[in-house]
Amino acid sequence: MDLKTGRVFGFDDETEEELEATEDFLEKCLFIADSFDSFFSRIVDEDPDP
């Protein structure tokens, strides 16, 4: 999560490639959502079945 913008990113931690610099890591990140609330609303079922 980018604390300045609130954007949420994902990363495949099973990659065999070694990333030596922050820039390399950021290039491999996948954008997930504009905010944590947006991300959380996608993974939580607000109306669970009884």
Protein backbone atom coordinates (compact mmCIF):
# COMPACT_ATOMS: atom_id res chain seq x y z
CA MET A 1 0.00 0.00 0.00
CA ASP A 2 1.27 3.43 -0.91
CA LEU A 3 0.75 5.45 2.27
CA LYS A 4 0.92 8.77 0.42
CA THR A 5 -1.78 7.99 -2.16
CA GLY A 6 -3.65 5.12 -0.47
CA ARG A 7 -3.33 2.95 -3.56
CA VAL A 8 -3.07 -0.81 -3.04
CA PHE A 9 -0.59 -2.93 -4.98
CA GLY A 10 0.12 -6.64 -5.16
CA PHE A 11 3.27 -8.58 -5.79
CA ASP A 12 3.97 -12.18 -6.83
CA ASP A 13 6.29 -13.29 -4.04
CA GLU A 14 6.91 -16.66 -5.66
CA THR A 15 8.98 -15.21 -8.47
CA GLU A 16 12.47 -16.63 -8.83
CA GLU A 17 13.87 -13.30 -9.94
CA GLU A 18 15.95 -11.35 -7.42
CA LEU A 19 15.08 -7.68 -7.19
CA GLU A 20 18.01 -5.60 -6.06
CA ALA A 21 16.52 -2.11 -6.13
CA THR A 22 13.29 -0.48 -5.04
CA GLU A 23 12.66 0.58 -8.64
CA ASP A 24 12.86 -3.06 -9.77
CA PHE A 25 10.32 -4.04 -7.13
CA LEU A 26 7.94 -1.24 -8.08
CA GLU A 27 8.09 -2.25 -11.76
CA LYS A 28 6.90 -5.76 -10.82
CA CYS A 29 4.01 -4.58 -8.62
CA LEU A 30 0.44 -4.93 -9.84
CA PHE A 31 -2.09 -2.17 -9.24
CA ILE A 32 -5.09 -3.51 -7.31
CA ALA A 33 -7.20 -0.58 -6.08
CA ASP A 34 -7.26 3.20 -5.62
CA SER A 35 -7.84 2.88 -1.87
CA PHE A 36 -7.88 0.33 0.92
CA ASP A 37 -11.66 0.77 1.28
CA SER A 38 -12.10 -0.07 -2.40
CA PHE A 39 -9.83 -3.10 -2.07
CA PHE A 40 -11.53 -4.31 1.11
CA SER A 41 -15.02 -3.95 -0.38
CA ARG A 42 -13.99 -6.30 -3.19
CA ILE A 43 -12.87 -9.08 -0.86
CA VAL A 44 -15.55 -8.86 1.86
CA ASP A 45 -19.05 -10.22 1.46
CA GLU A 46 -21.21 -7.57 3.13
CA ASP A 47 -24.34 -9.74 3.00
CA PRO A 48 -23.29 -13.21 4.16
CA ASP A 49 -25.87 -15.97 3.86
CA PRO A 50 -27.46 -16.90 7.19
